[in-house]
């Protein structure tokens, strides 16, 4: 009798896990299908159309020859778009979004967040920047906003422990700025030779780094 009960329990547990896995798969599939139908970034007019369709859209990011080609959102906090698509639907795949504290792209450092998944969606390709070869072939990318196209050139890739440090948005003094740049270069996973000064505007792409829940991979570039 006990053996039969255990068999039934095992069956129920397996069924529950299978159901959860199926639901998660379907949820991600729904998110992927949504992004397949989002406007491409090859025309600045599309950005205005994108903003008209999604109230909190502020632009579009595209890294050539990668899977990264998505609208950029901005919410009232940094939690909403972790689990919501640009149209407001709840979905695990989430959105690409900038920090709610940023004044769009007018701060010294704009932070853009995105998940990474095993299927290669969202910011998954950022993990490839740990390789110098990948960096050499993908050192520049574009951000489209209503009135212009911004080209960003990457100069730093490092891992940040978010329990100990935060990514700065603005810098109180020149010394604080220089200390931040020095830290990036000291921990840089790529070989780059750039001159960075306090007048440069930075863009930091942020996603989870494999290995620990508290680590983030940060890909830093300057607007050129």
N, C-alpha and C. Protein backbone atom coordinates (compact mmCIF):
# COMPACT_ATOMS: atom_id res chain seq x y z
N UNK A 1 0.83 -1.21 0.00
CA UNK A 1 0.00 0.00 0.00
C UNK A 1 0.87 1.26 0.00
N UNK A 2 1.87 1.27 0.87
CA UNK A 2 2.78 2.42 0.96
C UNK A 2 3.51 2.65 -0.36
N UNK A 3 3.88 1.54 -1.00
CA UNK A 3 4.58 1.64 -2.27
C UNK A 3 3.69 2.29 -3.33
N UNK A 4 2.42 1.93 -3.36
CA UNK A 4 1.48 2.51 -4.32
C UNK A 4 1.31 4.02 -4.09
N UNK A 5 1.26 4.38 -2.80
CA UNK A 5 1.12 5.80 -2.45
C UNK A 5 2.33 6.59 -2.94
N UNK A 6 3.52 6.02 -2.72
CA UNK A 6 4.75 6.68 -3.16
C UNK A 6 4.80 6.83 -4.68
N UNK A 7 4.36 5.80 -5.38
CA UNK A 7 4.34 5.85 -6.84
C UNK A 7 3.40 6.95 -7.31
N UNK A 8 2.21 7.03 -6.69
CA UNK A 8 1.24 8.06 -7.06
C UNK A 8 1.80 9.45 -6.77
N UNK A 9 2.44 9.62 -5.62
CA UNK A 9 3.03 10.91 -5.26
C UNK A 9 4.11 11.32 -6.25
N UNK A 10 4.96 10.36 -6.61
CA UNK A 10 6.02 10.65 -7.59
C UNK A 10 5.42 11.07 -8.93
N UNK A 11 4.36 10.39 -9.30
CA UNK A 11 3.68 10.72 -10.56
C UNK A 11 3.12 12.14 -10.51
N UNK A 12 2.49 12.48 -9.39
CA UNK A 12 1.89 13.82 -9.24
C UNK A 12 2.97 14.90 -9.27
N UNK A 13 4.09 14.63 -8.57
CA UNK A 13 5.19 15.60 -8.54
C UNK A 13 5.77 15.80 -9.94
N UNK A 14 5.97 14.70 -10.66
CA UNK A 14 6.48 14.79 -12.04
C UNK A 14 5.52 15.57 -12.93
N UNK A 15 4.23 15.34 -12.73
CA UNK A 15 3.21 16.03 -13.51
C UNK A 15 3.24 17.53 -13.24
N UNK A 16 3.43 17.88 -11.95
CA UNK A 16 3.49 19.30 -11.57
C UNK A 16 4.69 19.98 -12.23
N UNK A 17 5.86 19.32 -12.14
CA UNK A 17 7.07 19.89 -12.73
C UNK A 17 6.93 20.02 -14.26
N UNK A 18 6.32 19.03 -14.87
CA UNK A 18 6.12 19.07 -16.31
C UNK A 18 5.20 20.22 -16.69
N UNK A 19 4.15 20.41 -15.89
CA UNK A 19 3.20 21.50 -16.15
C UNK A 19 3.88 22.86 -16.01
N UNK A 20 4.70 23.01 -14.95
CA UNK A 20 5.41 24.27 -14.74
C UNK A 20 6.39 24.54 -15.87
N UNK A 21 7.11 23.51 -16.29
CA UNK A 21 8.06 23.65 -17.40
C UNK A 21 7.35 24.06 -18.69
N UNK A 22 6.20 23.42 -18.93
CA UNK A 22 5.43 23.73 -20.14
C UNK A 22 4.91 25.16 -20.11
N UNK A 23 4.42 25.59 -18.95
CA UNK A 23 3.91 26.95 -18.82
C UNK A 23 5.02 27.98 -19.04
N UNK A 24 6.21 27.70 -18.47
CA UNK A 24 7.35 28.61 -18.64
C UNK A 24 7.77 28.66 -20.10
N UNK A 25 7.79 27.52 -20.75
CA UNK A 25 8.18 27.47 -22.16
C UNK A 25 7.19 28.28 -23.01
N UNK A 26 5.90 28.08 -22.77
CA UNK A 26 4.88 28.79 -23.53
C UNK A 26 4.95 30.29 -23.28
N UNK A 27 5.26 30.67 -22.03
CA UNK A 27 5.38 32.08 -21.68
C UNK A 27 6.52 32.73 -22.47
N UNK A 28 7.67 32.06 -22.49
CA UNK A 28 8.82 32.60 -23.23
C UNK A 28 8.54 32.63 -24.73
N UNK A 29 7.86 31.59 -25.20
CA UNK A 29 7.53 31.53 -26.63
C UNK A 29 6.62 32.69 -27.01
N UNK A 30 5.69 33.01 -26.15
CA UNK A 30 4.79 34.14 -26.40
C UNK A 30 5.59 35.44 -26.47
N UNK A 31 6.57 35.58 -25.56
CA UNK A 31 7.42 36.77 -25.57
C UNK A 31 8.24 36.87 -26.84
N UNK A 32 8.82 35.75 -27.26
CA UNK A 32 9.62 35.74 -28.49
C UNK A 32 8.77 36.11 -29.70
N UNK A 33 7.57 35.57 -29.76
CA UNK A 33 6.68 35.87 -30.89
C UNK A 33 6.30 37.35 -30.92
N UNK A 34 6.15 37.93 -29.72
CA UNK A 34 5.85 39.36 -29.66
C UNK A 34 6.97 40.17 -30.31
N UNK A 35 8.20 39.86 -29.94
CA UNK A 35 9.32 40.66 -30.45
C UNK A 35 9.57 40.45 -31.94
N UNK A 36 9.16 39.33 -32.46
CA UNK A 36 9.32 39.10 -33.90
C UNK A 36 8.47 40.07 -34.71
N UNK A 37 7.43 40.59 -34.09
CA UNK A 37 6.52 41.49 -34.80
C UNK A 37 6.72 42.96 -34.45
N UNK A 38 7.72 43.24 -33.62
CA UNK A 38 7.99 44.63 -33.27
C UNK A 38 8.73 45.31 -34.41
N UNK A 39 8.50 46.59 -34.55
CA UNK A 39 9.09 47.34 -35.67
C UNK A 39 10.61 47.22 -35.71
N UNK A 40 11.17 47.08 -36.91
CA UNK A 40 12.63 47.06 -37.04
C UNK A 40 13.21 48.45 -36.83
N UNK A 41 14.52 48.54 -36.66
CA UNK A 41 15.14 49.82 -36.33
C UNK A 41 15.82 50.47 -37.52
N UNK A 42 15.53 50.04 -38.74
CA UNK A 42 16.28 50.55 -39.88
C UNK A 42 15.76 51.88 -40.41
N UNK A 43 14.81 52.48 -39.73
CA UNK A 43 14.28 53.76 -40.16
C UNK A 43 13.89 54.57 -38.94
N UNK A 44 14.43 55.77 -38.81
CA UNK A 44 14.16 56.58 -37.63
C UNK A 44 12.67 56.89 -37.49
N UNK A 45 11.94 56.91 -38.59
CA UNK A 45 10.50 57.16 -38.52
C UNK A 45 9.83 56.07 -37.69
N UNK A 46 10.36 54.85 -37.76
CA UNK A 46 9.80 53.74 -36.99
C UNK A 46 9.82 54.02 -35.49
N UNK A 47 10.80 54.77 -35.03
CA UNK A 47 10.91 55.04 -33.60
C UNK A 47 9.73 55.87 -33.12
N UNK A 48 9.36 56.87 -33.89
CA UNK A 48 8.18 57.66 -33.52
C UNK A 48 6.93 56.79 -33.52
N UNK A 49 6.86 55.89 -34.49
CA UNK A 49 5.73 54.97 -34.55
C UNK A 49 5.74 54.03 -33.34
N UNK A 50 6.94 53.60 -32.97
CA UNK A 50 7.09 52.73 -31.80
C UNK A 50 6.62 53.43 -30.54
N UNK A 51 6.99 54.70 -30.40
CA UNK A 51 6.59 55.46 -29.22
C UNK A 51 5.08 55.68 -29.18
N UNK A 52 4.49 55.84 -30.33
CA UNK A 52 3.04 56.01 -30.38
C UNK A 52 2.31 54.74 -29.97
N UNK A 53 2.93 53.60 -30.27
CA UNK A 53 2.28 52.33 -29.96
C UNK A 53 2.51 51.91 -28.51
N UNK A 54 3.70 52.20 -27.98
CA UNK A 54 4.04 51.82 -26.61
C UNK A 54 4.44 53.07 -25.85
N UNK A 55 3.62 53.45 -24.89
CA UNK A 55 3.75 54.75 -24.22
C UNK A 55 5.13 54.98 -23.60
N UNK A 56 5.74 53.93 -23.07
CA UNK A 56 7.00 54.12 -22.34
C UNK A 56 8.23 53.72 -23.17
N UNK A 57 8.06 53.54 -24.46
CA UNK A 57 9.20 53.28 -25.33
C UNK A 57 9.99 54.57 -25.53
N UNK A 58 11.32 54.49 -25.46
CA UNK A 58 12.13 55.69 -25.65
C UNK A 58 13.14 55.53 -26.78
N UNK A 59 13.23 54.34 -27.35
CA UNK A 59 14.18 54.15 -28.43
C UNK A 59 14.30 52.69 -28.82
N UNK A 60 15.39 52.38 -29.50
CA UNK A 60 15.61 51.03 -30.02
C UNK A 60 17.11 50.77 -30.01
N UNK A 61 17.51 49.57 -29.59
CA UNK A 61 18.93 49.19 -29.58
C UNK A 61 19.15 48.05 -30.57
N UNK A 62 20.27 48.15 -31.29
CA UNK A 62 20.60 47.11 -32.24
C UNK A 62 22.11 46.90 -32.29
N UNK A 63 22.55 45.69 -31.97
CA UNK A 63 23.95 45.32 -32.10
C UNK A 63 24.07 44.43 -33.33
N UNK A 64 24.72 44.91 -34.38
CA UNK A 64 24.77 44.16 -35.65
C UNK A 64 25.32 42.75 -35.48
N UNK A 65 24.74 41.84 -36.24
CA UNK A 65 25.18 40.43 -36.28
C UNK A 65 25.04 39.73 -34.92
N UNK A 66 24.07 40.17 -34.14
CA UNK A 66 23.70 39.48 -32.90
C UNK A 66 22.17 39.39 -32.86
N UNK A 67 21.65 38.78 -31.80
CA UNK A 67 20.20 38.71 -31.62
C UNK A 67 19.65 39.94 -30.91
N UNK A 68 20.52 40.88 -30.58
CA UNK A 68 20.08 42.05 -29.82
C UNK A 68 19.54 43.11 -30.76
N UNK A 69 18.23 43.20 -30.84
CA UNK A 69 17.52 44.16 -31.67
C UNK A 69 16.14 44.34 -31.05
N UNK A 70 16.03 45.31 -30.12
CA UNK A 70 14.83 45.43 -29.30
C UNK A 70 14.47 46.89 -29.01
N UNK A 71 13.18 47.13 -28.72
CA UNK A 71 12.78 48.44 -28.20
C UNK A 71 13.41 48.65 -26.82
N UNK A 72 13.62 49.91 -26.49
CA UNK A 72 14.11 50.27 -25.16
C UNK A 72 12.97 50.97 -24.43
N UNK A 73 12.66 50.47 -23.24
CA UNK A 73 11.58 51.02 -22.43
C UNK A 73 12.15 51.75 -21.23
N UNK A 74 11.29 52.51 -20.54
CA UNK A 74 11.66 53.10 -19.25
C UNK A 74 10.42 53.18 -18.38
N UNK A 75 10.48 52.53 -17.22
CA UNK A 75 9.34 52.52 -16.31
C UNK A 75 9.55 53.42 -15.11
N UNK A 76 8.64 53.34 -14.17
CA UNK A 76 8.72 54.15 -12.96
C UNK A 76 9.64 53.53 -11.93
N UNK A 77 10.07 52.30 -12.17
CA UNK A 77 11.04 51.63 -11.30
C UNK A 77 11.82 50.65 -12.17
N UNK A 78 12.74 49.91 -11.54
CA UNK A 78 13.54 48.95 -12.30
C UNK A 78 13.02 47.51 -12.16
N UNK A 79 11.78 47.37 -11.76
CA UNK A 79 11.18 46.04 -11.57
C UNK A 79 10.15 45.69 -12.64
N UNK A 80 9.36 46.69 -13.04
CA UNK A 80 8.22 46.41 -13.92
C UNK A 80 8.63 45.70 -15.20
N UNK A 81 9.60 46.24 -15.91
CA UNK A 81 9.94 45.68 -17.22
C UNK A 81 10.83 44.44 -17.14
N UNK A 82 11.16 44.01 -15.93
CA UNK A 82 11.81 42.71 -15.79
C UNK A 82 10.84 41.59 -16.16
N UNK A 83 9.54 41.84 -15.97
CA UNK A 83 8.53 40.80 -16.20
C UNK A 83 7.36 41.28 -17.05
N UNK A 84 7.57 42.34 -17.81
CA UNK A 84 6.51 42.83 -18.68
C UNK A 84 7.06 43.17 -20.06
N UNK A 85 6.28 42.88 -21.08
CA UNK A 85 6.61 43.24 -22.45
C UNK A 85 6.27 44.72 -22.67
N UNK A 86 6.76 45.32 -23.75
CA UNK A 86 6.45 46.73 -24.01
C UNK A 86 4.96 47.05 -24.06
N UNK A 87 4.13 46.07 -24.43
CA UNK A 87 2.68 46.32 -24.49
C UNK A 87 1.99 46.15 -23.14
N UNK A 88 2.78 45.85 -22.10
CA UNK A 88 2.23 45.72 -20.76
C UNK A 88 1.85 44.31 -20.35
N UNK A 89 1.94 43.35 -21.27
CA UNK A 89 1.62 41.97 -20.93
C UNK A 89 2.66 41.39 -19.98
N UNK A 90 2.20 40.65 -18.99
CA UNK A 90 3.11 39.98 -18.06
C UNK A 90 3.81 38.83 -18.78
N UNK A 91 5.14 38.81 -18.71
CA UNK A 91 5.89 37.77 -19.41
C UNK A 91 7.30 37.70 -18.84
N UNK A 92 7.79 36.46 -18.63
CA UNK A 92 9.10 36.28 -18.02
C UNK A 92 10.25 36.85 -18.84
N UNK A 93 10.07 36.92 -20.14
CA UNK A 93 11.15 37.40 -20.99
C UNK A 93 11.42 38.88 -20.78
N UNK A 94 10.39 39.62 -20.34
CA UNK A 94 10.55 41.02 -19.99
C UNK A 94 10.87 41.91 -21.17
N UNK A 95 11.50 43.04 -20.88
CA UNK A 95 11.86 44.03 -21.90
C UNK A 95 13.28 44.50 -21.68
N UNK A 96 13.84 45.15 -22.67
CA UNK A 96 15.08 45.89 -22.51
C UNK A 96 14.68 47.28 -22.03
N UNK A 97 15.31 47.77 -20.95
CA UNK A 97 14.87 49.04 -20.40
C UNK A 97 16.03 49.80 -19.74
N UNK A 98 15.91 51.13 -19.73
CA UNK A 98 16.93 51.92 -19.06
C UNK A 98 16.51 52.18 -17.61
N UNK A 99 17.50 52.51 -16.80
CA UNK A 99 17.27 52.78 -15.39
C UNK A 99 16.25 53.91 -15.24
N UNK A 100 15.32 53.73 -14.31
CA UNK A 100 14.25 54.72 -14.13
C UNK A 100 14.80 56.08 -13.70
N UNK A 101 16.03 56.10 -13.15
CA UNK A 101 16.63 57.37 -12.71
C UNK A 101 17.27 58.15 -13.85
N UNK A 102 17.50 57.49 -14.97
CA UNK A 102 18.11 58.17 -16.10
C UNK A 102 17.17 59.16 -16.76
N UNK A 103 17.72 60.27 -17.20
CA UNK A 103 16.98 61.24 -18.00
C UNK A 103 17.20 60.88 -19.46
N UNK A 104 16.52 59.82 -19.88
CA UNK A 104 16.73 59.21 -21.19
C UNK A 104 18.23 59.02 -21.42
N UNK A 105 18.83 59.67 -22.44
CA UNK A 105 20.25 59.46 -22.71
C UNK A 105 21.06 60.73 -22.47
N UNK A 106 20.62 61.54 -21.51
CA UNK A 106 21.26 62.82 -21.26
C UNK A 106 22.18 62.83 -20.05
N UNK A 107 22.25 61.72 -19.33
CA UNK A 107 23.14 61.65 -18.17
C UNK A 107 24.55 61.25 -18.60
N UNK A 108 25.48 61.33 -17.67
CA UNK A 108 26.85 60.91 -17.97
C UNK A 108 26.93 59.41 -18.25
N UNK A 109 26.08 58.65 -17.62
CA UNK A 109 26.07 57.20 -17.83
C UNK A 109 24.62 56.71 -17.86
N UNK A 110 24.21 56.16 -18.98
CA UNK A 110 22.87 55.59 -19.11
C UNK A 110 22.98 54.07 -18.96
N UNK A 111 22.18 53.50 -18.07
CA UNK A 111 22.23 52.07 -17.80
C UNK A 111 21.05 51.39 -18.49
N UNK A 112 21.34 50.36 -19.28
CA UNK A 112 20.30 49.61 -19.98
C UNK A 112 20.33 48.16 -19.51
N UNK A 113 19.19 47.67 -19.01
CA UNK A 113 19.10 46.33 -18.43
C UNK A 113 18.38 45.36 -19.37
N UNK A 114 18.71 44.09 -19.23
CA UNK A 114 17.99 43.05 -19.97
C UNK A 114 18.36 41.68 -19.43
N UNK A 115 17.41 40.75 -19.49
CA UNK A 115 17.68 39.37 -19.08
C UNK A 115 18.61 38.69 -20.09
N UNK A 116 19.15 37.54 -19.69
CA UNK A 116 19.74 36.64 -20.68
C UNK A 116 19.17 35.25 -20.46
N UNK A 117 18.91 34.55 -21.56
CA UNK A 117 18.30 33.22 -21.50
C UNK A 117 19.12 32.25 -22.34
N UNK A 118 18.95 30.96 -22.03
CA UNK A 118 19.70 29.93 -22.75
C UNK A 118 19.35 29.86 -24.23
N UNK A 119 18.19 30.40 -24.60
CA UNK A 119 17.78 30.34 -26.00
C UNK A 119 18.35 31.50 -26.82
N UNK A 120 19.18 32.33 -26.20
CA UNK A 120 19.87 33.38 -26.94
C UNK A 120 19.10 34.68 -27.10
N UNK A 121 17.96 34.82 -26.42
CA UNK A 121 17.16 36.03 -26.56
C UNK A 121 17.61 37.12 -25.61
N UNK A 122 17.03 38.31 -25.80
CA UNK A 122 17.27 39.50 -24.99
C UNK A 122 18.76 39.84 -24.95
N UNK A 123 19.38 39.97 -23.77
CA UNK A 123 20.79 40.37 -23.68
C UNK A 123 21.75 39.19 -23.57
N UNK A 124 21.32 38.00 -23.98
CA UNK A 124 22.17 36.81 -23.86
C UNK A 124 23.51 36.98 -24.58
N UNK A 125 23.50 37.63 -25.74
CA UNK A 125 24.73 37.78 -26.53
C UNK A 125 25.78 38.64 -25.84
N UNK A 126 25.39 39.41 -24.82
CA UNK A 126 26.38 40.21 -24.10
C UNK A 126 27.43 39.32 -23.45
N UNK A 127 27.06 38.10 -23.08
CA UNK A 127 28.01 37.20 -22.44
C UNK A 127 29.18 36.86 -23.37
N UNK A 128 28.96 36.99 -24.67
CA UNK A 128 30.02 36.71 -25.63
C UNK A 128 31.13 37.75 -25.59
N UNK A 129 30.86 38.91 -24.98
CA UNK A 129 31.88 39.95 -24.91
C UNK A 129 33.03 39.59 -23.96
N UNK A 130 32.93 38.48 -23.30
CA UNK A 130 34.07 38.00 -22.52
C UNK A 130 35.21 37.56 -23.43
N UNK A 131 34.88 37.37 -24.68
CA UNK A 131 35.88 36.94 -25.68
C UNK A 131 36.38 38.15 -26.47
N UNK A 132 37.70 38.30 -26.56
CA UNK A 132 38.28 39.39 -27.33
C UNK A 132 37.91 39.31 -28.80
N UNK A 133 37.85 38.10 -29.33
CA UNK A 133 37.50 37.93 -30.74
C UNK A 133 36.10 38.44 -31.03
N UNK A 134 35.18 38.12 -30.15
CA UNK A 134 33.80 38.60 -30.33
C UNK A 134 33.78 40.13 -30.24
N UNK A 135 34.49 40.67 -29.27
CA UNK A 135 34.53 42.13 -29.10
C UNK A 135 35.05 42.83 -30.35
N UNK A 136 36.12 42.30 -30.94
CA UNK A 136 36.71 42.93 -32.13
C UNK A 136 35.72 43.01 -33.29
N UNK A 137 34.82 42.03 -33.37
CA UNK A 137 33.85 42.00 -34.46
C UNK A 137 32.52 42.66 -34.12
N UNK A 138 32.38 43.07 -32.86
CA UNK A 138 31.11 43.68 -32.42
C UNK A 138 31.39 44.86 -31.49
N UNK A 139 32.32 45.68 -31.86
CA UNK A 139 32.76 46.76 -30.96
C UNK A 139 31.85 47.99 -30.99
N UNK A 140 30.97 48.06 -32.00
CA UNK A 140 30.08 49.21 -32.10
C UNK A 140 28.63 48.76 -32.24
N UNK A 141 27.72 49.57 -31.75
CA UNK A 141 26.30 49.29 -31.93
C UNK A 141 25.54 50.61 -32.00
N UNK A 142 24.27 50.51 -32.30
CA UNK A 142 23.45 51.72 -32.51
C UNK A 142 22.28 51.77 -31.54
N UNK A 143 21.97 52.98 -31.10
CA UNK A 143 20.75 53.26 -30.36
C UNK A 143 19.99 54.33 -31.14
N UNK A 144 18.74 54.03 -31.47
CA UNK A 144 17.91 54.96 -32.23
C UNK A 144 16.93 55.64 -31.29
N UNK A 145 16.88 56.96 -31.38
CA UNK A 145 15.85 57.73 -30.68
C UNK A 145 15.15 58.57 -31.74
N UNK A 146 14.15 59.32 -31.34
CA UNK A 146 13.30 59.99 -32.33
C UNK A 146 14.07 60.89 -33.28
N UNK A 147 15.00 61.67 -32.74
CA UNK A 147 15.64 62.69 -33.56
C UNK A 147 17.03 62.32 -34.06
N UNK A 148 17.54 61.14 -33.69
CA UNK A 148 18.90 60.82 -34.12
C UNK A 148 19.22 59.35 -33.91
N UNK A 149 20.33 58.98 -34.54
CA UNK A 149 20.92 57.66 -34.31
C UNK A 149 22.21 57.88 -33.54
N UNK A 150 22.35 57.22 -32.41
CA UNK A 150 23.58 57.32 -31.62
C UNK A 150 24.42 56.07 -31.85
N UNK A 151 25.67 56.27 -32.16
CA UNK A 151 26.59 55.15 -32.30
C UNK A 151 27.42 55.05 -31.03
N UNK A 152 27.50 53.85 -30.50
CA UNK A 152 28.22 53.62 -29.25
C UNK A 152 29.39 52.68 -29.52
N UNK A 153 30.57 53.06 -29.03
CA UNK A 153 31.76 52.23 -29.19
C UNK A 153 32.15 51.66 -27.83
N UNK A 154 32.25 50.35 -27.75
CA UNK A 154 32.51 49.65 -26.49
C UNK A 154 34.00 49.72 -26.14
N UNK A 155 34.28 50.01 -24.88
CA UNK A 155 35.68 50.04 -24.44
C UNK A 155 35.93 49.21 -23.19
N UNK A 156 34.88 48.76 -22.51
CA UNK A 156 35.08 48.01 -21.28
C UNK A 156 34.03 46.95 -21.03
N UNK A 157 34.48 45.82 -20.50
CA UNK A 157 33.58 44.73 -20.11
C UNK A 157 34.07 44.22 -18.76
N UNK A 158 33.20 44.25 -17.76
CA UNK A 158 33.63 43.79 -16.44
C UNK A 158 32.46 43.17 -15.70
N UNK A 159 32.77 42.47 -14.63
CA UNK A 159 31.75 41.82 -13.80
C UNK A 159 31.60 42.61 -12.51
N UNK A 160 30.37 42.90 -12.14
CA UNK A 160 30.06 43.70 -10.96
C UNK A 160 29.28 42.88 -9.95
N UNK A 161 29.70 42.94 -8.70
CA UNK A 161 28.96 42.33 -7.59
C UNK A 161 27.97 43.36 -7.07
N UNK A 162 26.68 43.17 -7.38
CA UNK A 162 25.67 44.19 -7.06
C UNK A 162 25.38 44.29 -5.57
N UNK A 163 25.87 43.34 -4.78
CA UNK A 163 25.69 43.44 -3.33
C UNK A 163 26.72 44.38 -2.72
N UNK A 164 27.76 44.71 -3.48
CA UNK A 164 28.83 45.57 -2.96
C UNK A 164 28.91 46.93 -3.65
N UNK A 165 28.50 46.98 -4.91
CA UNK A 165 28.65 48.22 -5.68
C UNK A 165 27.44 48.47 -6.57
N UNK A 166 27.30 49.70 -6.97
CA UNK A 166 26.25 50.09 -7.90
C UNK A 166 26.89 50.75 -9.12
N UNK A 167 26.16 50.73 -10.23
CA UNK A 167 26.64 51.41 -11.43
C UNK A 167 26.27 52.89 -11.31
N UNK A 168 27.25 53.79 -11.38
CA UNK A 168 26.94 55.22 -11.26
C UNK A 168 26.24 55.75 -12.50
N UNK A 169 25.42 56.77 -12.30
CA UNK A 169 24.72 57.43 -13.40
C UNK A 169 25.34 58.79 -13.70
N UNK A 170 25.61 59.55 -12.65
CA UNK A 170 26.33 60.81 -12.79
C UNK A 170 27.47 60.84 -11.78
N UNK A 171 28.45 61.68 -12.04
CA UNK A 171 29.65 61.71 -11.21
C UNK A 171 29.81 63.09 -10.59
N UNK A 172 29.98 63.09 -9.27
CA UNK A 172 30.02 64.36 -8.54
C UNK A 172 31.24 65.19 -8.89
N UNK A 173 32.37 64.52 -9.09
CA UNK A 173 33.60 65.24 -9.39
C UNK A 173 34.37 64.51 -10.48
N UNK A 174 35.38 65.20 -11.01
CA UNK A 174 36.24 64.59 -12.03
C UNK A 174 37.00 63.41 -11.44
N UNK A 175 37.40 63.51 -10.20
CA UNK A 175 38.12 62.40 -9.55
C UNK A 175 37.25 61.15 -9.46
N UNK A 176 35.98 61.33 -9.14
CA UNK A 176 35.06 60.19 -9.05
C UNK A 176 34.92 59.54 -10.42
N UNK A 177 34.81 60.36 -11.45
CA UNK A 177 34.71 59.84 -12.82
C UNK A 177 35.96 59.06 -13.18
N UNK A 178 37.12 59.64 -12.94
CA UNK A 178 38.38 58.99 -13.29
C UNK A 178 38.57 57.69 -12.52
N UNK A 179 38.16 57.68 -11.25
CA UNK A 179 38.26 56.46 -10.44
C UNK A 179 37.41 55.34 -11.04
N UNK A 180 36.23 55.72 -11.54
CA UNK A 180 35.34 54.73 -12.14
C UNK A 180 35.94 54.16 -13.42
N UNK A 181 36.46 55.03 -14.27
CA UNK A 181 37.09 54.57 -15.52
C UNK A 181 38.30 53.69 -15.21
N UNK A 182 39.10 54.10 -14.24
CA UNK A 182 40.28 53.30 -13.86
C UNK A 182 39.87 51.91 -13.40
N UNK A 183 38.77 51.85 -12.65
CA UNK A 183 38.30 50.56 -12.15
C UNK A 183 37.86 49.65 -13.30
N UNK A 184 37.17 50.25 -14.28
CA UNK A 184 36.75 49.46 -15.45
C UNK A 184 37.98 48.88 -16.14
N UNK A 185 38.97 49.73 -16.36
CA UNK A 185 40.16 49.29 -17.09
C UNK A 185 40.95 48.24 -16.31
N UNK A 186 40.98 48.37 -15.01
CA UNK A 186 41.70 47.39 -14.18
C UNK A 186 41.05 46.01 -14.22
N UNK A 187 39.73 45.99 -14.39
CA UNK A 187 38.99 44.73 -14.40
C UNK A 187 38.48 44.36 -15.78
N UNK A 188 39.03 45.03 -16.79
CA UNK A 188 38.54 44.86 -18.15
C UNK A 188 38.81 43.45 -18.67
N UNK A 189 37.77 42.84 -19.25
CA UNK A 189 37.90 41.49 -19.82
C UNK A 189 38.32 41.53 -21.28
N UNK A 190 38.37 42.73 -21.85
CA UNK A 190 38.77 42.88 -23.25
C UNK A 190 39.97 43.82 -23.34
N UNK A 191 40.62 43.81 -24.49
CA UNK A 191 41.75 44.69 -24.73
C UNK A 191 41.28 45.86 -25.58
N UNK A 192 41.24 47.04 -24.99
CA UNK A 192 40.82 48.23 -25.73
C UNK A 192 41.76 49.37 -25.40
N UNK A 193 41.85 50.30 -26.30
CA UNK A 193 42.76 51.43 -26.12
C UNK A 193 42.01 52.71 -26.46
N UNK A 194 41.26 53.22 -25.49
CA UNK A 194 40.43 54.40 -25.70
C UNK A 194 40.82 55.49 -24.73
N UNK A 195 40.68 56.72 -25.18
CA UNK A 195 40.80 57.86 -24.28
C UNK A 195 39.39 58.28 -23.88
N UNK A 196 39.13 58.24 -22.60
CA UNK A 196 37.81 58.61 -22.08
C UNK A 196 37.97 59.85 -21.22
N UNK A 197 37.11 60.83 -21.40
CA UNK A 197 37.16 62.01 -20.54
C UNK A 197 35.78 62.33 -19.98
N UNK A 198 35.73 63.28 -19.07
CA UNK A 198 34.50 63.57 -18.33
C UNK A 198 33.39 64.12 -19.21
N UNK A 199 33.72 64.55 -20.43
CA UNK A 199 32.71 65.06 -21.34
C UNK A 199 32.03 63.96 -22.16
N UNK A 200 32.59 62.75 -22.10
CA UNK A 200 32.00 61.64 -22.83
C UNK A 200 30.72 61.17 -22.15
N UNK A 201 29.76 60.79 -22.96
CA UNK A 201 28.55 60.16 -22.43
C UNK A 201 28.70 58.65 -22.57
N UNK A 202 28.46 57.95 -21.47
CA UNK A 202 28.63 56.51 -21.44
C UNK A 202 27.28 55.81 -21.51
N UNK A 203 27.31 54.59 -22.03
CA UNK A 203 26.15 53.70 -22.01
C UNK A 203 26.62 52.36 -21.46
N UNK A 204 25.95 51.88 -20.42
CA UNK A 204 26.32 50.62 -19.78
C UNK A 204 25.21 49.60 -19.96
N UNK A 205 25.52 48.52 -20.68
CA UNK A 205 24.56 47.43 -20.87
C UNK A 205 24.76 46.43 -19.76
N UNK A 206 23.68 46.02 -19.11
CA UNK A 206 23.78 45.20 -17.90
C UNK A 206 22.90 43.97 -18.00
N UNK A 207 23.50 42.80 -17.72
CA UNK A 207 22.73 41.56 -17.66
C UNK A 207 23.34 40.66 -16.60
N UNK A 208 22.63 39.59 -16.24
CA UNK A 208 23.16 38.66 -15.25
C UNK A 208 24.39 37.94 -15.80
N UNK A 209 25.40 37.80 -14.95
CA UNK A 209 26.60 37.05 -15.33
C UNK A 209 26.45 35.63 -14.82
N UNK A 210 26.80 34.67 -15.62
CA UNK A 210 26.69 33.28 -15.20
C UNK A 210 27.62 33.00 -14.02
N UNK A 211 27.16 32.17 -13.12
CA UNK A 211 28.02 31.75 -12.02
C UNK A 211 27.51 32.14 -10.65
N UNK A 212 26.86 33.31 -10.53
CA UNK A 212 26.37 33.75 -9.23
C UNK A 212 25.21 34.71 -9.42
N UNK A 213 24.20 34.60 -8.58
CA UNK A 213 23.02 35.45 -8.68
C UNK A 213 23.35 36.92 -8.45
N UNK A 214 24.44 37.20 -7.75
CA UNK A 214 24.74 38.58 -7.39
C UNK A 214 25.64 39.30 -8.40
N UNK A 215 26.13 38.58 -9.40
CA UNK A 215 27.04 39.18 -10.37
C UNK A 215 26.32 39.65 -11.63
N UNK A 216 26.76 40.79 -12.15
CA UNK A 216 26.24 41.31 -13.40
C UNK A 216 27.40 41.56 -14.36
N UNK A 217 27.15 41.26 -15.62
CA UNK A 217 28.13 41.59 -16.65
C UNK A 217 27.77 42.97 -17.20
N UNK A 218 28.75 43.86 -17.19
CA UNK A 218 28.54 45.23 -17.64
C UNK A 218 29.38 45.47 -18.88
N UNK A 219 28.73 45.90 -19.96
CA UNK A 219 29.41 46.22 -21.21
C UNK A 219 29.31 47.74 -21.39
N UNK A 220 30.44 48.42 -21.28
CA UNK A 220 30.44 49.89 -21.25
C UNK A 220 30.99 50.46 -22.56
N UNK A 221 30.28 51.45 -23.10
CA UNK A 221 30.74 52.13 -24.29
C UNK A 221 30.53 53.62 -24.18
N UNK A 222 31.09 54.36 -25.12
CA UNK A 222 30.87 55.80 -25.14
C UNK A 222 30.19 56.18 -26.45
N UNK A 223 29.34 57.19 -26.37
CA UNK A 223 28.65 57.69 -27.54
C UNK A 223 29.66 58.47 -28.40
N UNK A 224 29.73 58.12 -29.68
CA UNK A 224 30.72 58.77 -30.55
C UNK A 224 30.02 59.53 -31.68
